[in-house]
Amino acid sequence: MNTKEFSLAAGQSVLLTKDDIVVAVIGHPFAANGGLMGIRLAGKVKSLTVGSSVDFSFSQGACSITLLELLNNGGGKFYLRC
């Protein structure tokens, strides 16, 4: 199992796999309560709260991204586990 912590500011994106799986941070507050982080993962918009995860599959297996904390720059600190 591979793991990696990374941070992204609002508007930043990173290529996660060779299958062109990209995560892009939309930012927060994503919704009226301000406790949600919006991300675009593999072309679909997902919302995360601190401590929640989203799973995705690709040709080499499956991964999970967990939001560790919200950052002042509108982004977040994430944990990737594959």
PDB file of N, CA and C in Angstrom:
ATOM      1  N   MET A   1       0.849  -1.174   0.000  1.00  0.00           N
ATOM      2  CA  MET A   1       0.000   0.000   0.000  1.00  0.00           C
ATOM      3  C   MET A   1       0.898   1.242   0.000  1.00  0.00           C
ATOM      4  N   ASN A   2       0.603   2.162  -0.872  1.00  0.00           N
ATOM      5  CA  ASN A   2       1.335   3.423  -0.953  1.00  0.00           C
ATOM      6  C   ASN A   2       0.505   4.534  -0.342  1.00  0.00           C
ATOM      7  N   THR A   3       1.167   5.446   0.374  1.00  0.00           N
ATOM      8  CA  THR A   3       0.483   6.582   0.967  1.00  0.00           C
ATOM      9  C   THR A   3       1.272   7.851   0.693  1.00  0.00           C
ATOM     10  N   LYS A   4       0.576   8.973   0.681  1.00  0.00           N
ATOM     11  CA  LYS A   4       1.220  10.267   0.425  1.00  0.00           C
ATOM     12  C   LYS A   4       0.332  11.366   0.978  1.00  0.00           C
ATOM     13  N   GLU A   5       0.929  12.317   1.691  1.00  0.00           N
ATOM     14  CA  GLU A   5       0.226  13.532   2.097  1.00  0.00           C
ATOM     15  C   GLU A   5       0.581  14.628   1.112  1.00  0.00           C
ATOM     16  N   PHE A   6      -0.400  15.466   0.768  1.00  0.00           N
ATOM     17  CA  PHE A   6      -0.137  16.595  -0.122  1.00  0.00           C
ATOM     18  C   PHE A   6      -1.129  17.709   0.167  1.00  0.00           C
ATOM     19  N   SER A   7      -0.751  18.919  -0.185  1.00  0.00           N
ATOM     20  CA  SER A   7      -1.605  20.098  -0.012  1.00  0.00           C
ATOM     21  C   SER A   7      -1.811  20.768  -1.356  1.00  0.00           C
ATOM     22  N   LEU A   8      -3.015  21.278  -1.567  1.00  0.00           N
ATOM     23  CA  LEU A   8      -3.345  22.021  -2.776  1.00  0.00           C
ATOM     24  C   LEU A   8      -4.147  23.251  -2.394  1.00  0.00           C
ATOM     25  N   ALA A   9      -3.835  24.374  -3.021  1.00  0.00           N
ATOM     26  CA  ALA A   9      -4.617  25.591  -2.850  1.00  0.00           C
ATOM     27  C   ALA A   9      -5.819  25.527  -3.791  1.00  0.00           C
ATOM     28  N   ALA A  10      -6.812  26.354  -3.528  1.00  0.00           N
ATOM     29  CA  ALA A  10      -7.977  26.431  -4.414  1.00  0.00           C
ATOM     30  C   ALA A  10      -7.506  26.739  -5.833  1.00  0.00           C
ATOM     31  N   GLY A  11      -8.015  25.998  -6.792  1.00  0.00           N
ATOM     32  CA  GLY A  11      -7.650  26.186  -8.191  1.00  0.00           C
ATOM     33  C   GLY A  11      -6.494  25.324  -8.652  1.00  0.00           C
ATOM     34  N   GLN A  12      -5.752  24.723  -7.733  1.00  0.00           N
ATOM     35  CA  GLN A  12      -4.641  23.849  -8.110  1.00  0.00           C
ATOM     36  C   GLN A  12      -5.141  22.449  -8.401  1.00  0.00           C
ATOM     37  N   SER A  13      -4.366  21.713  -9.204  1.00  0.00           N
ATOM     38  CA  SER A  13      -4.696  20.322  -9.489  1.00  0.00           C
ATOM     39  C   SER A  13      -3.420  19.508  -9.549  1.00  0.00           C
ATOM     40  N   VAL A  14      -3.570  18.183  -9.445  1.00  0.00           N
ATOM     41  CA  VAL A  14      -2.426  17.280  -9.496  1.00  0.00           C
ATOM     42  C   VAL A  14      -2.859  15.995 -10.203  1.00  0.00           C
ATOM     43  N   LEU A  15      -1.964  15.464 -11.034  1.00  0.00           N
ATOM     44  CA  LEU A  15      -2.184  14.195 -11.709  1.00  0.00           C
ATOM     45  C   LEU A  15      -1.874  13.078 -10.720  1.00  0.00           C
ATOM     46  N   LEU A  16      -2.841  12.187 -10.468  1.00  0.00           N
ATOM     47  CA  LEU A  16      -2.672  11.142  -9.465  1.00  0.00           C
ATOM     48  C   LEU A  16      -2.210   9.819 -10.040  1.00  0.00           C
ATOM     49  N   THR A  17      -2.607   9.483 -11.264  1.00  0.00           N
ATOM     50  CA  THR A  17      -2.273   8.185 -11.839  1.00  0.00           C
ATOM     51  C   THR A  17      -1.877   8.339 -13.301  1.00  0.00           C
ATOM     52  N   LYS A  18      -1.291   7.285 -13.844  1.00  0.00           N
ATOM     53  CA  LYS A  18      -0.937   7.273 -15.267  1.00  0.00           C
ATOM     54  C   LYS A  18      -2.172   7.205 -16.160  1.00  0.00           C
ATOM     55  N   ASP A  19      -3.340   6.919 -15.565  1.00  0.00           N
ATOM     56  CA  ASP A  19      -4.599   6.871 -16.313  1.00  0.00           C
ATOM     57  C   ASP A  19      -5.245   8.245 -16.425  1.00  0.00           C
ATOM     58  N   ASP A  20      -4.492   9.292 -16.142  1.00  0.00           N
ATOM     59  CA  ASP A  20      -4.995  10.663 -16.198  1.00  0.00           C
ATOM     60  C   ASP A  20      -6.088  10.939 -15.178  1.00  0.00           C
ATOM     61  N   ILE A  21      -6.026  10.297 -14.006  1.00  0.00           N
ATOM     62  CA  ILE A  21      -6.917  10.623 -12.907  1.00  0.00           C
ATOM     63  C   ILE A  21      -6.351  11.881 -12.244  1.00  0.00           C
ATOM     64  N   VAL A  22      -7.108  12.964 -12.287  1.00  0.00           N
ATOM     65  CA  VAL A  22      -6.664  14.251 -11.768  1.00  0.00           C
ATOM     66  C   VAL A  22      -7.596  14.668 -10.638  1.00  0.00           C
ATOM     67  N   VAL A  23      -7.023  15.228  -9.564  1.00  0.00           N
ATOM     68  CA  VAL A  23      -7.833  15.855  -8.523  1.00  0.00           C
ATOM     69  C   VAL A  23      -7.570  17.354  -8.602  1.00  0.00           C
ATOM     70  N   ALA A  24      -8.627  18.144  -8.626  1.00  0.00           N
ATOM     71  CA  ALA A  24      -8.531  19.601  -8.657  1.00  0.00           C
ATOM     72  C   ALA A  24      -9.341  20.159  -7.496  1.00  0.00           C
ATOM     73  N   VAL A  25      -8.778  21.100  -6.772  1.00  0.00           N
ATOM     74  CA  VAL A  25      -9.457  21.690  -5.626  1.00  0.00           C
ATOM     75  C   VAL A  25     -10.321  22.859  -6.095  1.00  0.00           C
ATOM     76  N   ILE A  26     -11.616  22.765  -5.847  1.00  0.00           N
ATOM     77  CA  ILE A  26     -12.539  23.856  -6.147  1.00  0.00           C
ATOM     78  C   ILE A  26     -12.452  24.891  -5.040  1.00  0.00           C
ATOM     79  N   GLY A  27     -12.332  24.416  -3.804  1.00  0.00           N
ATOM     80  CA  GLY A  27     -12.143  25.310  -2.669  1.00  0.00           C
ATOM     81  C   GLY A  27     -13.258  25.204  -1.642  1.00  0.00           C
ATOM     82  N   HIS A  28     -13.145  26.048  -0.640  1.00  0.00           N
ATOM     83  CA  HIS A  28     -14.164  26.115   0.418  1.00  0.00           C
ATOM     84  C   HIS A  28     -14.377  27.580   0.727  1.00  0.00           C
ATOM     85  N   PRO A  29     -15.487  28.062   1.201  1.00  0.00           N
ATOM     86  CA  PRO A  29     -16.657  27.209   1.451  1.00  0.00           C
ATOM     87  C   PRO A  29     -17.337  26.794   0.161  1.00  0.00           C
ATOM     88  N   PHE A  30     -17.532  25.517   0.019  1.00  0.00           N
ATOM     89  CA  PHE A  30     -18.157  24.926  -1.153  1.00  0.00           C
ATOM     90  C   PHE A  30     -19.679  25.018  -1.030  1.00  0.00           C
ATOM     91  N   ALA A  31     -20.161  25.065   0.173  1.00  0.00           N
ATOM     92  CA  ALA A  31     -21.604  25.136   0.417  1.00  0.00           C
ATOM     93  C   ALA A  31     -21.869  26.184   1.492  1.00  0.00           C
ATOM     94  N   ALA A  32     -23.108  26.434   1.757  1.00  0.00           N
ATOM     95  CA  ALA A  32     -23.497  27.503   2.671  1.00  0.00           C
ATOM     96  C   ALA A  32     -22.903  27.340   4.067  1.00  0.00           C
ATOM     97  N   ASN A  33     -22.707  26.104   4.534  1.00  0.00           N
ATOM     98  CA  ASN A  33     -22.201  25.933   5.890  1.00  0.00           C
ATOM     99  C   ASN A  33     -20.691  26.115   5.988  1.00  0.00           C
ATOM    100  N   GLY A  34     -19.998  26.175   4.869  1.00  0.00           N
ATOM    101  CA  GLY A  34     -18.564  26.449   4.877  1.00  0.00           C
ATOM    102  C   GLY A  34     -17.701  25.318   5.375  1.00  0.00           C
ATOM    103  N   GLY A  35     -18.265  24.195   5.798  1.00  0.00           N
ATOM    104  CA  GLY A  35     -17.473  23.080   6.298  1.00  0.00           C
ATOM    105  C   GLY A  35     -17.119  22.067   5.237  1.00  0.00           C
ATOM    106  N   LEU A  36     -17.475  22.357   3.987  1.00  0.00           N
ATOM    107  CA  LEU A  36     -17.221  21.414   2.905  1.00  0.00           C
ATOM    108  C   LEU A  36     -16.100  21.895   2.005  1.00  0.00           C
ATOM    109  N   MET A  37     -15.323  20.939   1.499  1.00  0.00           N
ATOM    110  CA  MET A  37     -14.288  21.193   0.496  1.00  0.00           C
ATOM    111  C   MET A  37     -14.792  20.595  -0.803  1.00  0.00           C
ATOM    112  N   GLY A  38     -14.764  21.353  -1.862  1.00  0.00           N
ATOM    113  CA  GLY A  38     -15.159  20.836  -3.161  1.00  0.00           C
ATOM    114  C   GLY A  38     -13.932  20.417  -3.945  1.00  0.00           C
ATOM    115  N   ILE A  39     -13.968  19.205  -4.489  1.00  0.00           N
ATOM    116  CA  ILE A  39     -12.890  18.742  -5.360  1.00  0.00           C
ATOM    117  C   ILE A  39     -13.500  18.171  -6.632  1.00  0.00           C
ATOM    118  N   ARG A  40     -12.727  18.200  -7.690  1.00  0.00           N
ATOM    119  CA  ARG A  40     -13.119  17.540  -8.935  1.00  0.00           C
ATOM    120  C   ARG A  40     -12.167  16.364  -9.090  1.00  0.00           C
ATOM    121  N   LEU A  41     -12.731  15.165  -9.122  1.00  0.00           N
ATOM    122  CA  LEU A  41     -11.947  13.939  -9.217  1.00  0.00           C
ATOM    123  C   LEU A  41     -12.415  13.149 -10.419  1.00  0.00           C
ATOM    124  N   ALA A  42     -11.518  12.918 -11.345  1.00  0.00           N
ATOM    125  CA  ALA A  42     -11.845  12.165 -12.561  1.00  0.00           C
ATOM    126  C   ALA A  42     -13.067  12.756 -13.258  1.00  0.00           C
ATOM    127  N   GLY A  43     -13.156  14.089 -13.269  1.00  0.00           N
ATOM    128  CA  GLY A  43     -14.221  14.784 -13.979  1.00  0.00           C
ATOM    129  C   GLY A  43     -15.527  14.932 -13.225  1.00  0.00           C
ATOM    130  N   LYS A  44     -15.606  14.416 -11.991  1.00  0.00           N
ATOM    131  CA  LYS A  44     -16.835  14.515 -11.206  1.00  0.00           C
ATOM    132  C   LYS A  44     -16.581  15.354  -9.959  1.00  0.00           C
ATOM    133  N   VAL A  45     -17.546  16.219  -9.617  1.00  0.00           N
ATOM    134  CA  VAL A  45     -17.420  17.053  -8.432  1.00  0.00           C
ATOM    135  C   VAL A  45     -17.825  16.246  -7.201  1.00  0.00           C
ATOM    136  N   LYS A  46     -16.982  16.283  -6.196  1.00  0.00           N
ATOM    137  CA  LYS A  46     -17.224  15.596  -4.924  1.00  0.00           C
ATOM    138  C   LYS A  46     -17.075  16.613  -3.810  1.00  0.00           C
ATOM    139  N   SER A  47     -17.765  16.392  -2.711  1.00  0.00           N
ATOM    140  CA  SER A  47     -17.583  17.254  -1.549  1.00  0.00           C
ATOM    141  C   SER A  47     -17.042  16.414  -0.399  1.00  0.00           C
ATOM    142  N   LEU A  48     -16.131  17.008   0.351  1.00  0.00           N
ATOM    143  CA  LEU A  48     -15.502  16.343   1.491  1.00  0.00           C
ATOM    144  C   LEU A  48     -15.601  17.240   2.717  1.00  0.00           C
ATOM    145  N   THR A  49     -15.744  16.633   3.869  1.00  0.00           N
ATOM    146  CA  THR A  49     -15.575  17.327   5.140  1.00  0.00           C
ATOM    147  C   THR A  49     -14.284  16.802   5.747  1.00  0.00           C
ATOM    148  N   VAL A  50     -13.720  17.514   6.698  1.00  0.00           N
ATOM    149  CA  VAL A  50     -12.483  17.067   7.329  1.00  0.00           C
ATOM    150  C   VAL A  50     -12.701  15.677   7.913  1.00  0.00           C
ATOM    151  N   GLY A  51     -11.823  14.760   7.530  1.00  0.00           N
ATOM    152  CA  GLY A  51     -11.904  13.382   7.992  1.00  0.00           C
ATOM    153  C   GLY A  51     -12.633  12.442   7.055  1.00  0.00           C
ATOM    154  N   SER A  52     -13.367  12.983   6.075  1.00  0.00           N
ATOM    155  CA  SER A  52     -14.084  12.112   5.140  1.00  0.00           C
ATOM    156  C   SER A  52     -13.210  11.777   3.942  1.00  0.00           C
ATOM    157  N   SER A  53     -13.582  10.715   3.231  1.00  0.00           N
ATOM    158  CA  SER A  53     -12.789  10.202   2.116  1.00  0.00           C
ATOM    159  C   SER A  53     -13.653   9.994   0.882  1.00  0.00           C
ATOM    160  N   VAL A  54     -12.992   9.924  -0.251  1.00  0.00           N
ATOM    161  CA  VAL A  54     -13.635   9.544  -1.503  1.00  0.00           C
ATOM    162  C   VAL A  54     -12.722   8.503  -2.158  1.00  0.00           C
ATOM    163  N   ASP A  55     -13.333   7.437  -2.678  1.00  0.00           N
ATOM    164  CA  ASP A  55     -12.593   6.348  -3.313  1.00  0.00           C
ATOM    165  C   ASP A  55     -12.693   6.455  -4.824  1.00  0.00           C
ATOM    166  N   PHE A  56     -11.654   5.960  -5.518  1.00  0.00           N
ATOM    167  CA  PHE A  56     -11.710   5.887  -6.971  1.00  0.00           C
ATOM    168  C   PHE A  56     -10.868   4.716  -7.440  1.00  0.00           C
ATOM    169  N   SER A  57     -11.225   4.201  -8.604  1.00  0.00           N
ATOM    170  CA  SER A  57     -10.514   3.071  -9.207  1.00  0.00           C
ATOM    171  C   SER A  57      -9.794   3.529 -10.461  1.00  0.00           C
ATOM    172  N   PHE A  58      -8.749   2.805 -10.797  1.00  0.00           N
ATOM    173  CA  PHE A  58      -8.016   3.034 -12.047  1.00  0.00           C
ATOM    174  C   PHE A  58      -7.407   1.706 -12.460  1.00  0.00           C
ATOM    175  N   SER A  59      -6.660   1.680 -13.568  1.00  0.00           N
ATOM    176  CA  SER A  59      -6.196   0.409 -14.135  1.00  0.00           C
ATOM    177  C   SER A  59      -5.280  -0.380 -13.197  1.00  0.00           C
ATOM    178  N   GLN A  60      -4.619   0.271 -12.260  1.00  0.00           N
ATOM    179  CA  GLN A  60      -3.693  -0.409 -11.351  1.00  0.00           C
ATOM    180  C   GLN A  60      -4.324  -0.781 -10.013  1.00  0.00           C
ATOM    181  N   GLY A  61      -5.586  -0.436  -9.794  1.00  0.00           N
ATOM    182  CA  GLY A  61      -6.235  -0.768  -8.526  1.00  0.00           C
ATOM    183  C   GLY A  61      -7.187   0.316  -8.072  1.00  0.00           C
ATOM    184  N   ALA A  62      -7.155   0.590  -6.768  1.00  0.00           N
ATOM    185  CA  ALA A  62      -8.060   1.578  -6.188  1.00  0.00           C
ATOM    186  C   ALA A  62      -7.308   2.449  -5.195  1.00  0.00           C
ATOM    187  N   CYS A  63      -7.797   3.676  -5.014  1.00  0.00           N
ATOM    188  CA  CYS A  63      -7.196   4.627  -4.082  1.00  0.00           C
ATOM    189  C   CYS A  63      -8.294   5.332  -3.299  1.00  0.00           C
ATOM    190  N   SER A  64      -7.878   5.982  -2.230  1.00  0.00           N
ATOM    191  CA  SER A  64      -8.771   6.764  -1.399  1.00  0.00           C
ATOM    192  C   SER A  64      -8.085   8.094  -1.083  1.00  0.00           C
ATOM    193  N   ILE A  65      -8.831   9.188  -1.167  1.00  0.00           N
ATOM    194  CA  ILE A  65      -8.326  10.505  -0.786  1.00  0.00           C
ATOM    195  C   ILE A  65      -9.112  10.966   0.430  1.00  0.00           C
ATOM    196  N   THR A  66      -8.398  11.341   1.495  1.00  0.00           N
ATOM    197  CA  THR A  66      -9.012  11.835   2.728  1.00  0.00           C
ATOM    198  C   THR A  66      -8.628  13.297   2.915  1.00  0.00           C
ATOM    199  N   LEU A  67      -9.600  14.132   3.263  1.00  0.00           N
ATOM    200  CA  LEU A  67      -9.325  15.535   3.585  1.00  0.00           C
ATOM    201  C   LEU A  67      -8.879  15.610   5.040  1.00  0.00           C
ATOM    202  N   LEU A  68      -7.640  16.039   5.276  1.00  0.00           N
ATOM    203  CA  LEU A  68      -7.093  16.125   6.627  1.00  0.00           C
ATOM    204  C   LEU A  68      -7.416  17.448   7.303  1.00  0.00           C
ATOM    205  N   GLU A  69      -7.328  18.549   6.537  1.00  0.00           N
ATOM    206  CA  GLU A  69      -7.658  19.858   7.108  1.00  0.00           C
ATOM    207  C   GLU A  69      -7.905  20.872   6.009  1.00  0.00           C
ATOM    208  N   LEU A  70      -8.680  21.906   6.341  1.00  0.00           N
ATOM    209  CA  LEU A  70      -8.905  23.028   5.439  1.00  0.00           C
ATOM    210  C   LEU A  70      -7.798  24.042   5.652  1.00  0.00           C
ATOM    211  N   LEU A  71      -7.302  24.634   4.571  1.00  0.00           N
ATOM    212  CA  LEU A  71      -6.229  25.623   4.654  1.00  0.00           C
ATOM    213  C   LEU A  71      -6.767  27.024   4.376  1.00  0.00           C
ATOM    214  N   ASN A  72      -6.067  28.031   4.860  1.00  0.00           N
ATOM    215  CA  ASN A  72      -6.484  29.427   4.705  1.00  0.00           C
ATOM    216  C   ASN A  72      -6.518  29.891   3.257  1.00  0.00           C
ATOM    217  N   ASN A  73      -5.791  29.220   2.360  1.00  0.00           N
ATOM    218  CA  ASN A  73      -5.739  29.629   0.957  1.00  0.00           C
ATOM    219  C   ASN A  73      -6.910  29.083   0.145  1.00  0.00           C
ATOM    220  N   GLY A  74      -7.941  28.567   0.828  1.00  0.00           N
ATOM    221  CA  GLY A  74      -9.088  28.001   0.135  1.00  0.00           C
ATOM    222  C   GLY A  74      -8.890  26.557  -0.263  1.00  0.00           C
ATOM    223  N   GLY A  75      -7.743  26.014   0.046  1.00  0.00           N
ATOM    224  CA  GLY A  75      -7.427  24.642  -0.311  1.00  0.00           C
ATOM    225  C   GLY A  75      -7.488  23.714   0.879  1.00  0.00           C
ATOM    226  N   GLY A  76      -6.771  22.609   0.747  1.00  0.00           N
ATOM    227  CA  GLY A  76      -6.786  21.628   1.817  1.00  0.00           C
ATOM    228  C   GLY A  76      -5.542  20.774   1.823  1.00  0.00           C
ATOM    229  N   LYS A  77      -5.389  20.050   2.923  1.00  0.00           N
ATOM    230  CA  LYS A  77      -4.323  19.071   3.088  1.00  0.00           C
ATOM    231  C   LYS A  77      -4.983  17.703   2.961  1.00  0.00           C
ATOM    232  N   PHE A  78      -4.426  16.846   2.114  1.00  0.00           N
ATOM    233  CA  PHE A  78      -5.040  15.575   1.778  1.00  0.00           C
ATOM    234  C   PHE A  78      -4.093  14.416   2.061  1.00  0.00           C
ATOM    235  N   TYR A  79      -4.692  13.226   2.195  1.00  0.00           N
ATOM    236  CA  TYR A  79      -3.962  11.995   2.400  1.00  0.00           C
ATOM    237  C   TYR A  79      -4.416  11.038   1.305  1.00  0.00           C
ATOM    238  N   LEU A  80      -3.480  10.543   0.500  1.00  0.00           N
ATOM    239  CA  LEU A  80      -3.771   9.606  -0.581  1.00  0.00           C
ATOM    240  C   LEU A  80      -3.291   8.228  -0.175  1.00  0.00           C
ATOM    241  N   ARG A  81      -4.174   7.240  -0.272  1.00  0.00           N
ATOM    242  CA  ARG A  81      -3.830   5.859   0.051  1.00  0.00           C
ATOM    243  C   ARG A  81      -4.240   4.964  -1.121  1.00  0.00           C
ATOM    244  N   CYS A  82      -3.286   4.200  -1.652  1.00  0.00           N
ATOM    245  CA  CYS A  82      -3.556   3.290  -2.771  1.00  0.00           C
ATOM    246  C   CYS A  82      -3.106   1.871  -2.433  1.00  0.00           C
TER     247      CYS A  82
END
